[in-house]
Amino acid sequence: LSSNCELLLSSGTKAPQKFEPFIS
């Protein structure tokens, strides 16, 4: 994610800077 982008997750939390969207 870029510094000015946030990724919100379905679990109600914000994704970390490096995020794995799928298990594989």
mmCIF file of all heavy atoms, coordinates in Angstrom:
data_MODEL
# 
_entry.id   MODEL 
# 
loop_
_atom_site.group_PDB 
_atom_site.id 
_atom_site.type_symbol 
_atom_site.label_atom_id 
_atom_site.label_alt_id 
_atom_site.label_comp_id 
_atom_site.label_asym_id 
_atom_site.label_entity_id 
_atom_site.label_seq_id 
_atom_site.pdbx_PDB_ins_code 
_atom_site.Cartn_x 
_atom_site.Cartn_y 
_atom_site.Cartn_z 
_atom_site.occupancy 
_atom_site.B_iso_or_equiv 
_atom_site.pdbx_formal_charge 
_atom_site.auth_seq_id 
_atom_site.auth_comp_id 
_atom_site.auth_asym_id 
_atom_site.auth_atom_id 
_atom_site.pdbx_PDB_model_num 
ATOM 1   N N   . LEU A 1 1  ? 0.826   -1.195  0.000  1.00 0.00 ? 1  LEU A N   1 
ATOM 2   C CA  . LEU A 1 1  ? 0.000   0.000   0.000  1.00 0.00 ? 1  LEU A CA  1 
ATOM 3   C C   . LEU A 1 1  ? 0.863   1.249   0.000  1.00 0.00 ? 1  LEU A C   1 
ATOM 4   O O   . LEU A 1 1  ? 1.878   1.314   0.672  1.00 0.00 ? 1  LEU A O   1 
ATOM 5   C CB  . LEU A 1 1  ? -0.904  0.009   1.239  1.00 0.00 ? 1  LEU A CB  1 
ATOM 6   C CG  . LEU A 1 1  ? -1.791  -1.221  1.423  1.00 0.00 ? 1  LEU A CG  1 
ATOM 7   C CD1 . LEU A 1 1  ? -2.631  -1.056  2.674  1.00 0.00 ? 1  LEU A CD1 1 
ATOM 8   C CD2 . LEU A 1 1  ? -2.681  -1.436  0.217  1.00 0.00 ? 1  LEU A CD2 1 
ATOM 9   N N   . SER A 1 2  ? 0.450   2.255   -0.768 1.00 0.00 ? 2  SER A N   1 
ATOM 10  C CA  . SER A 1 2  ? 1.154   3.520   -0.752 1.00 0.00 ? 2  SER A CA  1 
ATOM 11  C C   . SER A 1 2  ? 0.877   4.239   0.560  1.00 0.00 ? 2  SER A C   1 
ATOM 12  O O   . SER A 1 2  ? -0.035  3.895   1.301  1.00 0.00 ? 2  SER A O   1 
ATOM 13  C CB  . SER A 1 2  ? 0.708   4.384   -1.933 1.00 0.00 ? 2  SER A CB  1 
ATOM 14  O OG  . SER A 1 2  ? -0.639  4.800   -1.752 1.00 0.00 ? 2  SER A OG  1 
ATOM 15  N N   . SER A 1 3  ? 1.646   5.274   0.830  1.00 0.00 ? 3  SER A N   1 
ATOM 16  C CA  . SER A 1 3  ? 1.531   5.979   2.108  1.00 0.00 ? 3  SER A CA  1 
ATOM 17  C C   . SER A 1 3  ? 0.212   6.711   2.254  1.00 0.00 ? 3  SER A C   1 
ATOM 18  O O   . SER A 1 3  ? -0.202  7.025   3.370  1.00 0.00 ? 3  SER A O   1 
ATOM 19  C CB  . SER A 1 3  ? 2.693   6.963   2.263  1.00 0.00 ? 3  SER A CB  1 
ATOM 20  O OG  . SER A 1 3  ? 2.669   7.903   1.192  1.00 0.00 ? 3  SER A OG  1 
ATOM 21  N N   . ASN A 1 4  ? -0.465  7.013   1.149  1.00 0.00 ? 4  ASN A N   1 
ATOM 22  C CA  . ASN A 1 4  ? -1.733  7.735   1.235  1.00 0.00 ? 4  ASN A CA  1 
ATOM 23  C C   . ASN A 1 4  ? -2.920  6.847   0.881  1.00 0.00 ? 4  ASN A C   1 
ATOM 24  O O   . ASN A 1 4  ? -3.951  7.312   0.421  1.00 0.00 ? 4  ASN A O   1 
ATOM 25  C CB  . ASN A 1 4  ? -1.705  8.966   0.326  1.00 0.00 ? 4  ASN A CB  1 
ATOM 26  C CG  . ASN A 1 4  ? -1.443  8.606   -1.127 1.00 0.00 ? 4  ASN A CG  1 
ATOM 27  O OD1 . ASN A 1 4  ? -1.083  7.472   -1.440 1.00 0.00 ? 4  ASN A OD1 1 
ATOM 28  N ND2 . ASN A 1 4  ? -1.625  9.576   -2.016 1.00 0.00 ? 4  ASN A ND2 1 
ATOM 29  N N   . CYS A 1 5  ? -2.790  5.555   1.088  1.00 0.00 ? 5  CYS A N   1 
ATOM 30  C CA  . CYS A 1 5  ? -3.872  4.610   0.815  1.00 0.00 ? 5  CYS A CA  1 
ATOM 31  C C   . CYS A 1 5  ? -4.078  3.718   2.033  1.00 0.00 ? 5  CYS A C   1 
ATOM 32  O O   . CYS A 1 5  ? -3.119  3.267   2.651  1.00 0.00 ? 5  CYS A O   1 
ATOM 33  C CB  . CYS A 1 5  ? -3.547  3.760   -0.404 1.00 0.00 ? 5  CYS A CB  1 
ATOM 34  S SG  . CYS A 1 5  ? -4.769  2.484   -0.760 1.00 0.00 ? 5  CYS A SG  1 
ATOM 35  N N   . GLU A 1 6  ? -5.330  3.497   2.399  1.00 0.00 ? 6  GLU A N   1 
ATOM 36  C CA  . GLU A 1 6  ? -5.663  2.602   3.507  1.00 0.00 ? 6  GLU A CA  1 
ATOM 37  C C   . GLU A 1 6  ? -6.505  1.452   2.976  1.00 0.00 ? 6  GLU A C   1 
ATOM 38  O O   . GLU A 1 6  ? -7.387  1.656   2.138  1.00 0.00 ? 6  GLU A O   1 
ATOM 39  C CB  . GLU A 1 6  ? -6.444  3.341   4.604  1.00 0.00 ? 6  GLU A CB  1 
ATOM 40  C CG  . GLU A 1 6  ? -5.751  4.561   5.178  1.00 0.00 ? 6  GLU A CG  1 
ATOM 41  C CD  . GLU A 1 6  ? -4.591  4.205   6.086  1.00 0.00 ? 6  GLU A CD  1 
ATOM 42  O OE1 . GLU A 1 6  ? -4.302  3.000   6.244  1.00 0.00 ? 6  GLU A OE1 1 
ATOM 43  O OE2 . GLU A 1 6  ? -3.962  5.127   6.626  1.00 0.00 ? 6  GLU A OE2 1 
ATOM 44  N N   . LEU A 1 7  ? -6.252  0.255   3.454  1.00 0.00 ? 7  LEU A N   1 
ATOM 45  C CA  . LEU A 1 7  ? -7.012  -0.924  3.074  1.00 0.00 ? 7  LEU A CA  1 
ATOM 46  C C   . LEU A 1 7  ? -7.780  -1.412  4.300  1.00 0.00 ? 7  LEU A C   1 
ATOM 47  O O   . LEU A 1 7  ? -7.179  -1.816  5.299  1.00 0.00 ? 7  LEU A O   1 
ATOM 48  C CB  . LEU A 1 7  ? -6.074  -2.020  2.559  1.00 0.00 ? 7  LEU A CB  1 
ATOM 49  C CG  . LEU A 1 7  ? -6.740  -3.311  2.076  1.00 0.00 ? 7  LEU A CG  1 
ATOM 50  C CD1 . LEU A 1 7  ? -7.655  -3.030  0.883  1.00 0.00 ? 7  LEU A CD1 1 
ATOM 51  C CD2 . LEU A 1 7  ? -5.688  -4.337  1.695  1.00 0.00 ? 7  LEU A CD2 1 
ATOM 52  N N   . LEU A 1 8  ? -9.105  -1.324  4.242  1.00 0.00 ? 8  LEU A N   1 
ATOM 53  C CA  . LEU A 1 8  ? -9.947  -1.751  5.351  1.00 0.00 ? 8  LEU A CA  1 
ATOM 54  C C   . LEU A 1 8  ? -10.372 -3.193  5.126  1.00 0.00 ? 8  LEU A C   1 
ATOM 55  O O   . LEU A 1 8  ? -10.781 -3.567  4.033  1.00 0.00 ? 8  LEU A O   1 
ATOM 56  C CB  . LEU A 1 8  ? -11.182 -0.846  5.450  1.00 0.00 ? 8  LEU A CB  1 
ATOM 57  C CG  . LEU A 1 8  ? -10.916 0.657   5.507  1.00 0.00 ? 8  LEU A CG  1 
ATOM 58  C CD1 . LEU A 1 8  ? -12.216 1.420   5.626  1.00 0.00 ? 8  LEU A CD1 1 
ATOM 59  C CD2 . LEU A 1 8  ? -9.980  0.989   6.663  1.00 0.00 ? 8  LEU A CD2 1 
ATOM 60  N N   . LEU A 1 9  ? -10.306 -3.996  6.192  1.00 0.00 ? 9  LEU A N   1 
ATOM 61  C CA  . LEU A 1 9  ? -10.592 -5.421  6.086  1.00 0.00 ? 9  LEU A CA  1 
ATOM 62  C C   . LEU A 1 9  ? -11.985 -5.741  6.601  1.00 0.00 ? 9  LEU A C   1 
ATOM 63  O O   . LEU A 1 9  ? -12.546 -5.037  7.439  1.00 0.00 ? 9  LEU A O   1 
ATOM 64  C CB  . LEU A 1 9  ? -9.540  -6.211  6.887  1.00 0.00 ? 9  LEU A CB  1 
ATOM 65  C CG  . LEU A 1 9  ? -8.080  -5.999  6.481  1.00 0.00 ? 9  LEU A CG  1 
ATOM 66  C CD1 . LEU A 1 9  ? -7.168  -6.852  7.357  1.00 0.00 ? 9  LEU A CD1 1 
ATOM 67  C CD2 . LEU A 1 9  ? -7.870  -6.311  5.008  1.00 0.00 ? 9  LEU A CD2 1 
ATOM 68  N N   . SER A 1 10 ? -12.518 -6.850  6.112  1.00 0.00 ? 10 SER A N   1 
ATOM 69  C CA  . SER A 1 10 ? -13.863 -7.267  6.503  1.00 0.00 ? 10 SER A CA  1 
ATOM 70  C C   . SER A 1 10 ? -13.955 -7.633  7.976  1.00 0.00 ? 10 SER A C   1 
ATOM 71  O O   . SER A 1 10 ? -15.042 -7.681  8.538  1.00 0.00 ? 10 SER A O   1 
ATOM 72  C CB  . SER A 1 10 ? -14.306 -8.460  5.654  1.00 0.00 ? 10 SER A CB  1 
ATOM 73  O OG  . SER A 1 10 ? -13.461 -9.578  5.886  1.00 0.00 ? 10 SER A OG  1 
ATOM 74  N N   . SER A 1 11 ? -12.825 -7.886  8.617  1.00 0.00 ? 11 SER A N   1 
ATOM 75  C CA  . SER A 1 11 ? -12.810 -8.231  10.048 1.00 0.00 ? 11 SER A CA  1 
ATOM 76  C C   . SER A 1 11 ? -12.931 -7.008  10.939 1.00 0.00 ? 11 SER A C   1 
ATOM 77  O O   . SER A 1 11 ? -12.958 -7.127  12.159 1.00 0.00 ? 11 SER A O   1 
ATOM 78  C CB  . SER A 1 11 ? -11.517 -8.984  10.384 1.00 0.00 ? 11 SER A CB  1 
ATOM 79  O OG  . SER A 1 11 ? -10.379 -8.230  9.995  1.00 0.00 ? 11 SER A OG  1 
ATOM 80  N N   . GLY A 1 12 ? -12.991 -5.803  10.347 1.00 0.00 ? 12 GLY A N   1 
ATOM 81  C CA  . GLY A 1 12 ? -13.153 -4.585  11.132 1.00 0.00 ? 12 GLY A CA  1 
ATOM 82  C C   . GLY A 1 12 ? -11.853 -3.933  11.530 1.00 0.00 ? 12 GLY A C   1 
ATOM 83  O O   . GLY A 1 12 ? -11.841 -3.071  12.408 1.00 0.00 ? 12 GLY A O   1 
ATOM 84  N N   . THR A 1 13 ? -10.755 -4.321  10.895 1.00 0.00 ? 13 THR A N   1 
ATOM 85  C CA  . THR A 1 13 ? -9.453  -3.746  11.196 1.00 0.00 ? 13 THR A CA  1 
ATOM 86  C C   . THR A 1 13 ? -8.843  -3.158  9.926  1.00 0.00 ? 13 THR A C   1 
ATOM 87  O O   . THR A 1 13 ? -9.352  -3.369  8.821  1.00 0.00 ? 13 THR A O   1 
ATOM 88  C CB  . THR A 1 13 ? -8.491  -4.804  11.769 1.00 0.00 ? 13 THR A CB  1 
ATOM 89  O OG1 . THR A 1 13 ? -8.351  -5.881  10.826 1.00 0.00 ? 13 THR A OG1 1 
ATOM 90  C CG2 . THR A 1 13 ? -9.029  -5.367  13.082 1.00 0.00 ? 13 THR A CG2 1 
ATOM 91  N N   . LYS A 1 14 ? -7.742  -2.440  10.114 1.00 0.00 ? 14 LYS A N   1 
ATOM 92  C CA  . LYS A 1 14 ? -7.012  -1.872  8.982  1.00 0.00 ? 14 LYS A CA  1 
ATOM 93  C C   . LYS A 1 14 ? -5.850  -2.789  8.639  1.00 0.00 ? 14 LYS A C   1 
ATOM 94  O O   . LYS A 1 14 ? -5.165  -3.303  9.511  1.00 0.00 ? 14 LYS A O   1 
ATOM 95  C CB  . LYS A 1 14 ? -6.501  -0.476  9.349  1.00 0.00 ? 14 LYS A CB  1 
ATOM 96  C CG  . LYS A 1 14 ? -5.787  0.237   8.229  1.00 0.00 ? 14 LYS A CG  1 
ATOM 97  C CD  . LYS A 1 14 ? -5.401  1.649   8.630  1.00 0.00 ? 14 LYS A CD  1 
ATOM 98  C CE  . LYS A 1 14 ? -4.312  1.653   9.681  1.00 0.00 ? 14 LYS A CE  1 
ATOM 99  N NZ  . LYS A 1 14 ? -3.827  3.031   9.956  1.00 0.00 ? 14 LYS A NZ  1 
ATOM 100 N N   . ALA A 1 15 ? -5.620  -2.986  7.341  1.00 0.00 ? 15 ALA A N   1 
ATOM 101 C CA  . ALA A 1 15 ? -4.555  -3.881  6.904  1.00 0.00 ? 15 ALA A CA  1 
ATOM 102 C C   . ALA A 1 15 ? -3.191  -3.267  7.194  1.00 0.00 ? 15 ALA A C   1 
ATOM 103 O O   . ALA A 1 15 ? -3.022  -2.051  7.158  1.00 0.00 ? 15 ALA A O   1 
ATOM 104 C CB  . ALA A 1 15 ? -4.681  -4.149  5.409  1.00 0.00 ? 15 ALA A CB  1 
ATOM 105 N N   . PRO A 1 16 ? -2.190  -4.099  7.499  1.00 0.00 ? 16 PRO A N   1 
ATOM 106 C CA  . PRO A 1 16 ? -0.825  -3.607  7.655  1.00 0.00 ? 16 PRO A CA  1 
ATOM 107 C C   . PRO A 1 16 ? -0.263  -3.153  6.313  1.00 0.00 ? 16 PRO A C   1 
ATOM 108 O O   . PRO A 1 16 ? -0.876  -3.372  5.262  1.00 0.00 ? 16 PRO A O   1 
ATOM 109 C CB  . PRO A 1 16 ? -0.066  -4.826  8.195  1.00 0.00 ? 16 PRO A CB  1 
ATOM 110 C CG  . PRO A 1 16 ? -0.858  -5.995  7.698  1.00 0.00 ? 16 PRO A CG  1 
ATOM 111 C CD  . PRO A 1 16 ? -2.292  -5.551  7.694  1.00 0.00 ? 16 PRO A CD  1 
ATOM 112 N N   . GLN A 1 17 ? 0.899   -2.514  6.331  1.00 0.00 ? 17 GLN A N   1 
ATOM 113 C CA  . GLN A 1 17 ? 1.489   -1.985  5.102  1.00 0.00 ? 17 GLN A CA  1 
ATOM 114 C C   . GLN A 1 17 ? 1.699   -3.077  4.053  1.00 0.00 ? 17 GLN A C   1 
ATOM 115 O O   . GLN A 1 17 ? 1.453   -2.885  2.875  1.00 0.00 ? 17 GLN A O   1 
ATOM 116 C CB  . GLN A 1 17 ? 2.817   -1.298  5.422  1.00 0.00 ? 17 GLN A CB  1 
ATOM 117 C CG  . GLN A 1 17 ? 3.376   -0.452  4.290  1.00 0.00 ? 17 GLN A CG  1 
ATOM 118 C CD  . GLN A 1 17 ? 2.534   0.791   4.000  1.00 0.00 ? 17 GLN A CD  1 
ATOM 119 O OE1 . GLN A 1 17 ? 1.764   1.211   4.857  1.00 0.00 ? 17 GLN A OE1 1 
ATOM 120 N NE2 . GLN A 1 17 ? 2.674   1.354   2.810  1.00 0.00 ? 17 GLN A NE2 1 
ATOM 121 N N   . LYS A 1 18 ? 2.159   -4.238  4.487  1.00 0.00 ? 18 LYS A N   1 
ATOM 122 C CA  . LYS A 1 18 ? 2.268   -5.404  3.605  1.00 0.00 ? 18 LYS A CA  1 
ATOM 123 C C   . LYS A 1 18 ? 1.154   -6.377  3.981  1.00 0.00 ? 18 LYS A C   1 
ATOM 124 O O   . LYS A 1 18 ? 1.106   -6.855  5.115  1.00 0.00 ? 18 LYS A O   1 
ATOM 125 C CB  . LYS A 1 18 ? 3.626   -6.084  3.773  1.00 0.00 ? 18 LYS A CB  1 
ATOM 126 C CG  . LYS A 1 18 ? 4.780   -5.393  3.074  1.00 0.00 ? 18 LYS A CG  1 
ATOM 127 C CD  . LYS A 1 18 ? 4.804   -5.760  1.582  1.00 0.00 ? 18 LYS A CD  1 
ATOM 128 C CE  . LYS A 1 18 ? 6.078   -5.284  0.917  1.00 0.00 ? 18 LYS A CE  1 
ATOM 129 N NZ  . LYS A 1 18 ? 6.133   -5.719  -0.500 1.00 0.00 ? 18 LYS A NZ  1 
ATOM 130 N N   . PHE A 1 19 ? 0.288   -6.659  3.049  1.00 0.00 ? 19 PHE A N   1 
ATOM 131 C CA  . PHE A 1 19 ? -0.876  -7.489  3.361  1.00 0.00 ? 19 PHE A CA  1 
ATOM 132 C C   . PHE A 1 19 ? -1.011  -8.598  2.341  1.00 0.00 ? 19 PHE A C   1 
ATOM 133 O O   . PHE A 1 19 ? -0.875  -8.374  1.135  1.00 0.00 ? 19 PHE A O   1 
ATOM 134 C CB  . PHE A 1 19 ? -2.148  -6.639  3.364  1.00 0.00 ? 19 PHE A CB  1 
ATOM 135 C CG  . PHE A 1 19 ? -3.407  -7.434  3.596  1.00 0.00 ? 19 PHE A CG  1 
ATOM 136 C CD1 . PHE A 1 19 ? -3.638  -8.056  4.807  1.00 0.00 ? 19 PHE A CD1 1 
ATOM 137 C CD2 . PHE A 1 19 ? -4.347  -7.570  2.584  1.00 0.00 ? 19 PHE A CD2 1 
ATOM 138 C CE1 . PHE A 1 19 ? -4.797  -8.800  5.014  1.00 0.00 ? 19 PHE A CE1 1 
ATOM 139 C CE2 . PHE A 1 19 ? -5.499  -8.308  2.786  1.00 0.00 ? 19 PHE A CE2 1 
ATOM 140 C CZ  . PHE A 1 19 ? -5.721  -8.925  4.006  1.00 0.00 ? 19 PHE A CZ  1 
ATOM 141 N N   . GLU A 1 20 ? -1.267  -9.820  2.820  1.00 0.00 ? 20 GLU A N   1 
ATOM 142 C CA  . GLU A 1 20 ? -1.484  -10.979 1.958  1.00 0.00 ? 20 GLU A CA  1 
ATOM 143 C C   . GLU A 1 20 ? -2.990  -11.182 1.775  1.00 0.00 ? 20 GLU A C   1 
ATOM 144 O O   . GLU A 1 20 ? -3.674  -11.650 2.684  1.00 0.00 ? 20 GLU A O   1 
ATOM 145 C CB  . GLU A 1 20 ? -0.871  -12.232 2.589  1.00 0.00 ? 20 GLU A CB  1 
ATOM 146 C CG  . GLU A 1 20 ? 0.625   -12.139 2.856  1.00 0.00 ? 20 GLU A CG  1 
ATOM 147 C CD  . GLU A 1 20 ? 1.435   -12.184 1.568  1.00 0.00 ? 20 GLU A CD  1 
ATOM 148 O OE1 . GLU A 1 20 ? 0.894   -12.654 0.557  1.00 0.00 ? 20 GLU A OE1 1 
ATOM 149 O OE2 . GLU A 1 20 ? 2.587   -11.726 1.588  1.00 0.00 ? 20 GLU A OE2 1 
ATOM 150 N N   . PRO A 1 21 ? -3.555  -10.795 0.618  1.00 0.00 ? 21 PRO A N   1 
ATOM 151 C CA  . PRO A 1 21 ? -5.005  -10.894 0.440  1.00 0.00 ? 21 PRO A CA  1 
ATOM 152 C C   . PRO A 1 21 ? -5.520  -12.317 0.312  1.00 0.00 ? 21 PRO A C   1 
ATOM 153 O O   . PRO A 1 21 ? -6.680  -12.580 0.590  1.00 0.00 ? 21 PRO A O   1 
ATOM 154 C CB  . PRO A 1 21 ? -5.251  -10.098 -0.839 1.00 0.00 ? 21 PRO A CB  1 
ATOM 155 C CG  . PRO A 1 21 ? -3.970  -10.174 -1.584 1.00 0.00 ? 21 PRO A CG  1 
ATOM 156 C CD  . PRO A 1 21 ? -2.891  -10.212 -0.548 1.00 0.00 ? 21 PRO A CD  1 
ATOM 157 N N   . PHE A 1 22 ? -4.657  -13.243 -0.125 1.00 0.00 ? 22 PHE A N   1 
ATOM 158 C CA  . PHE A 1 22 ? -5.054  -14.636 -0.241 1.00 0.00 ? 22 PHE A CA  1 
ATOM 159 C C   . PHE A 1 22 ? -4.008  -15.517 0.429  1.00 0.00 ? 22 PHE A C   1 
ATOM 160 O O   . PHE A 1 22 ? -2.834  -15.145 0.544  1.00 0.00 ? 22 PHE A O   1 
ATOM 161 C CB  . PHE A 1 22 ? -5.209  -15.056 -1.704 1.00 0.00 ? 22 PHE A CB  1 
ATOM 162 C CG  . PHE A 1 22 ? -6.225  -14.252 -2.452 1.00 0.00 ? 22 PHE A CG  1 
ATOM 163 C CD1 . PHE A 1 22 ? -5.840  -13.367 -3.447 1.00 0.00 ? 22 PHE A CD1 1 
ATOM 164 C CD2 . PHE A 1 22 ? -7.576  -14.374 -2.154 1.00 0.00 ? 22 PHE A CD2 1 
ATOM 165 C CE1 . PHE A 1 22 ? -6.779  -12.608 -4.125 1.00 0.00 ? 22 PHE A CE1 1 
ATOM 166 C CE2 . PHE A 1 22 ? -8.516  -13.619 -2.829 1.00 0.00 ? 22 PHE A CE2 1 
ATOM 167 C CZ  . PHE A 1 22 ? -8.123  -12.741 -3.817 1.00 0.00 ? 22 PHE A CZ  1 
ATOM 168 N N   . ILE A 1 23 ? -4.433  -16.683 0.866  1.00 0.00 ? 23 ILE A N   1 
ATOM 169 C CA  . ILE A 1 23 ? -3.523  -17.599 1.533  1.00 0.00 ? 23 ILE A CA  1 
ATOM 170 C C   . ILE A 1 23 ? -2.418  -18.052 0.594  1.00 0.00 ? 23 ILE A C   1 
ATOM 171 O O   . ILE A 1 23 ? -1.264  -18.214 0.985  1.00 0.00 ? 23 ILE A O   1 
ATOM 172 C CB  . ILE A 1 23 ? -4.315  -18.796 2.105  1.00 0.00 ? 23 ILE A CB  1 
ATOM 173 C CG1 . ILE A 1 23 ? -5.226  -18.309 3.251  1.00 0.00 ? 23 ILE A CG1 1 
ATOM 174 C CG2 . ILE A 1 23 ? -3.378  -19.892 2.595  1.00 0.00 ? 23 ILE A CG2 1 
ATOM 175 C CD1 . ILE A 1 23 ? -6.107  -19.383 3.828  1.00 0.00 ? 23 ILE A CD1 1 
ATOM 176 N N   . SER A 1 24 ? -2.745  -18.248 -0.696 1.00 0.00 ? 24 SER A N   1 
ATOM 177 C CA  . SER A 1 24 ? -1.732  -18.592 -1.691 1.00 0.00 ? 24 SER A CA  1 
ATOM 178 C C   . SER A 1 24 ? -2.154  -18.039 -3.044 1.00 0.00 ? 24 SER A C   1 
ATOM 179 O O   . SER A 1 24 ? -3.333  -17.745 -3.268 1.00 0.00 ? 24 SER A O   1 
ATOM 180 C CB  . SER A 1 24 ? -1.540  -20.108 -1.774 1.00 0.00 ? 24 SER A CB  1 
ATOM 181 O OG  . SER A 1 24 ? -2.651  -20.713 -2.420 1.00 0.00 ? 24 SER A OG  1 
# 
